[in-house]
Amino acid sequence: MAHPKRKTSKSKKRMRRSHHALQSQVITDCSYCGEMMVSHRVCPHCGHYKGRSVLRSTEEQL
């Protein structure tokens, strides 16, 4: 079983984990209804994604 020969310093450990931080989500306008939405997700307001209707709205269900 492999064992480290030297202790990993705090600096090296933190440099290795530097990309683990959370990133903020990208907010864009929906191309169909114009509401603000998270990129690459179905619009929660109208239910469209990439110009297609993915979810039925509450008005259509009634």
N, C-alpha and C. Protein backbone atom coordinates (compact mmCIF):
# COMPACT_ATOMS: atom_id res chain seq x y z
N MET A 1 0.84 -1.18 0.00
CA MET A 1 0.00 0.00 0.00
C MET A 1 0.89 1.25 0.00
N ALA A 2 0.55 2.24 -0.80
CA ALA A 2 1.38 3.43 -0.94
C ALA A 2 1.17 4.38 0.24
N HIS A 3 2.27 4.95 0.70
CA HIS A 3 2.23 5.93 1.78
C HIS A 3 3.03 7.16 1.36
N PRO A 4 2.57 8.35 1.75
CA PRO A 4 3.32 9.55 1.40
C PRO A 4 4.65 9.60 2.16
N LYS A 5 5.69 10.06 1.47
CA LYS A 5 7.00 10.14 2.10
C LYS A 5 7.13 11.39 2.96
N ARG A 6 6.43 12.47 2.56
CA ARG A 6 6.47 13.73 3.29
C ARG A 6 5.05 14.21 3.57
N LYS A 7 4.88 14.99 4.61
CA LYS A 7 3.57 15.57 4.93
C LYS A 7 3.21 16.61 3.86
N THR A 8 1.97 16.60 3.41
CA THR A 8 1.50 17.60 2.44
C THR A 8 1.25 18.90 3.19
N SER A 9 1.89 19.97 2.74
CA SER A 9 1.75 21.26 3.43
C SER A 9 0.36 21.84 3.23
N LYS A 10 -0.01 22.77 4.09
CA LYS A 10 -1.31 23.44 3.97
C LYS A 10 -1.42 24.16 2.63
N SER A 11 -0.33 24.73 2.19
CA SER A 11 -0.34 25.46 0.92
C SER A 11 -0.63 24.53 -0.25
N LYS A 12 0.07 23.39 -0.32
CA LYS A 12 -0.14 22.43 -1.40
C LYS A 12 -1.55 21.85 -1.36
N LYS A 13 -2.03 21.56 -0.16
CA LYS A 13 -3.37 20.99 -0.02
C LYS A 13 -4.43 21.99 -0.48
N ARG A 14 -4.26 23.25 -0.12
CA ARG A 14 -5.23 24.28 -0.50
C ARG A 14 -5.15 24.61 -1.98
N MET A 15 -3.95 24.54 -2.57
CA MET A 15 -3.83 24.76 -4.01
C MET A 15 -4.55 23.66 -4.78
N ARG A 16 -4.45 22.43 -4.29
CA ARG A 16 -5.11 21.31 -4.95
C ARG A 16 -6.63 21.45 -4.88
N ARG A 17 -7.14 22.01 -3.81
CA ARG A 17 -8.58 22.16 -3.61
C ARG A 17 -9.12 23.51 -4.06
N SER A 18 -8.33 24.29 -4.75
CA SER A 18 -8.73 25.65 -5.11
C SER A 18 -9.92 25.68 -6.06
N HIS A 19 -10.11 24.64 -6.85
CA HIS A 19 -11.23 24.62 -7.81
C HIS A 19 -12.49 23.99 -7.22
N HIS A 20 -12.50 23.65 -5.94
CA HIS A 20 -13.66 23.04 -5.30
C HIS A 20 -14.70 24.06 -4.84
N ALA A 21 -14.42 25.33 -4.98
CA ALA A 21 -15.33 26.37 -4.50
C ALA A 21 -16.61 26.38 -5.33
N LEU A 22 -17.71 26.78 -4.71
CA LEU A 22 -18.98 26.88 -5.42
C LEU A 22 -18.96 28.04 -6.39
N GLN A 23 -19.60 27.86 -7.53
CA GLN A 23 -19.68 28.92 -8.53
C GLN A 23 -21.11 29.42 -8.60
N SER A 24 -21.27 30.70 -8.92
CA SER A 24 -22.61 31.26 -9.01
C SER A 24 -23.28 30.79 -10.30
N GLN A 25 -24.61 30.67 -10.27
CA GLN A 25 -25.35 30.24 -11.44
C GLN A 25 -25.50 31.40 -12.42
N VAL A 26 -25.54 31.06 -13.71
CA VAL A 26 -25.69 32.08 -14.75
C VAL A 26 -27.18 32.30 -14.99
N ILE A 27 -27.63 33.54 -14.84
CA ILE A 27 -29.03 33.89 -15.03
C ILE A 27 -29.18 34.57 -16.39
N THR A 28 -30.15 34.09 -17.20
CA THR A 28 -30.40 34.66 -18.52
C THR A 28 -31.89 34.92 -18.69
N ASP A 29 -32.22 35.54 -19.81
CA ASP A 29 -33.63 35.78 -20.14
C ASP A 29 -34.16 34.57 -20.92
N CYS A 30 -35.40 34.20 -20.63
CA CYS A 30 -36.06 33.15 -21.40
C CYS A 30 -36.35 33.69 -22.78
N SER A 31 -36.02 32.93 -23.81
CA SER A 31 -36.24 33.40 -25.19
C SER A 31 -37.73 33.39 -25.55
N TYR A 32 -38.55 32.67 -24.80
CA TYR A 32 -39.97 32.58 -25.12
C TYR A 32 -40.79 33.64 -24.38
N CYS A 33 -40.61 33.74 -23.04
CA CYS A 33 -41.45 34.65 -22.26
C CYS A 33 -40.70 35.87 -21.72
N GLY A 34 -39.37 35.84 -21.74
CA GLY A 34 -38.59 36.99 -21.29
C GLY A 34 -38.31 37.03 -19.79
N GLU A 35 -38.78 36.04 -19.04
CA GLU A 35 -38.53 35.99 -17.60
C GLU A 35 -37.09 35.57 -17.34
N MET A 36 -36.57 35.91 -16.16
CA MET A 36 -35.22 35.51 -15.78
C MET A 36 -35.24 34.04 -15.39
N MET A 37 -34.22 33.28 -15.87
CA MET A 37 -34.13 31.85 -15.58
C MET A 37 -32.68 31.42 -15.53
N VAL A 38 -32.40 30.26 -14.94
CA VAL A 38 -31.05 29.71 -14.89
C VAL A 38 -30.74 29.10 -16.25
N SER A 39 -29.53 29.31 -16.75
CA SER A 39 -29.13 28.79 -18.06
C SER A 39 -29.20 27.27 -18.10
N HIS A 40 -29.55 26.73 -19.26
CA HIS A 40 -29.59 25.29 -19.53
C HIS A 40 -30.60 24.56 -18.64
N ARG A 41 -31.67 25.24 -18.26
CA ARG A 41 -32.75 24.64 -17.48
C ARG A 41 -34.08 25.01 -18.13
N VAL A 42 -35.12 24.27 -17.82
CA VAL A 42 -36.46 24.59 -18.30
C VAL A 42 -36.93 25.84 -17.56
N CYS A 43 -37.56 26.75 -18.28
CA CYS A 43 -38.07 27.98 -17.68
C CYS A 43 -39.19 27.63 -16.70
N PRO A 44 -39.08 28.02 -15.43
CA PRO A 44 -40.12 27.68 -14.47
C PRO A 44 -41.41 28.46 -14.70
N HIS A 45 -41.33 29.55 -15.44
CA HIS A 45 -42.51 30.39 -15.65
C HIS A 45 -43.38 29.86 -16.79
N CYS A 46 -42.77 29.55 -17.95
CA CYS A 46 -43.55 29.13 -19.11
C CYS A 46 -43.37 27.66 -19.49
N GLY A 47 -42.31 27.00 -19.00
CA GLY A 47 -42.09 25.59 -19.29
C GLY A 47 -41.44 25.30 -20.62
N HIS A 48 -40.76 26.30 -21.22
CA HIS A 48 -40.10 26.11 -22.51
C HIS A 48 -38.60 25.91 -22.30
N TYR A 49 -37.98 25.16 -23.22
CA TYR A 49 -36.53 24.97 -23.24
C TYR A 49 -36.09 24.87 -24.69
N LYS A 50 -35.17 25.71 -25.09
CA LYS A 50 -34.65 25.77 -26.47
C LYS A 50 -35.76 25.90 -27.50
N GLY A 51 -36.74 26.74 -27.20
CA GLY A 51 -37.80 27.02 -28.14
C GLY A 51 -38.91 25.98 -28.20
N ARG A 52 -38.82 24.92 -27.37
CA ARG A 52 -39.86 23.88 -27.38
C ARG A 52 -40.59 23.88 -26.05
N SER A 53 -41.85 23.52 -26.06
CA SER A 53 -42.62 23.40 -24.84
C SER A 53 -42.33 22.04 -24.22
N VAL A 54 -41.74 22.06 -23.02
CA VAL A 54 -41.35 20.83 -22.34
C VAL A 54 -42.38 20.48 -21.27
N LEU A 55 -42.83 21.48 -20.52
CA LEU A 55 -43.81 21.28 -19.47
C LEU A 55 -45.12 21.94 -19.85
N ARG A 56 -46.21 21.31 -19.49
CA ARG A 56 -47.51 21.94 -19.72
C ARG A 56 -47.75 23.00 -18.66
N SER A 57 -48.26 24.14 -19.06
CA SER A 57 -48.55 25.19 -18.09
C SER A 57 -49.86 24.87 -17.37
N THR A 58 -50.15 25.56 -16.28
CA THR A 58 -51.36 25.31 -15.51
C THR A 58 -52.60 25.71 -16.29
N GLU A 59 -52.48 26.68 -17.20
CA GLU A 59 -53.62 27.11 -18.01
C GLU A 59 -54.05 26.01 -18.99
N GLU A 60 -53.10 25.27 -19.57
CA GLU A 60 -53.40 24.21 -20.52
C GLU A 60 -54.04 23.01 -19.81
N GLN A 61 -53.68 22.76 -18.55
CA GLN A 61 -54.19 21.61 -17.84
C GLN A 61 -55.65 21.78 -17.47
N LEU A 62 -56.13 23.02 -17.30
CA LEU A 62 -57.51 23.25 -16.89
C LEU A 62 -58.48 23.12 -18.01
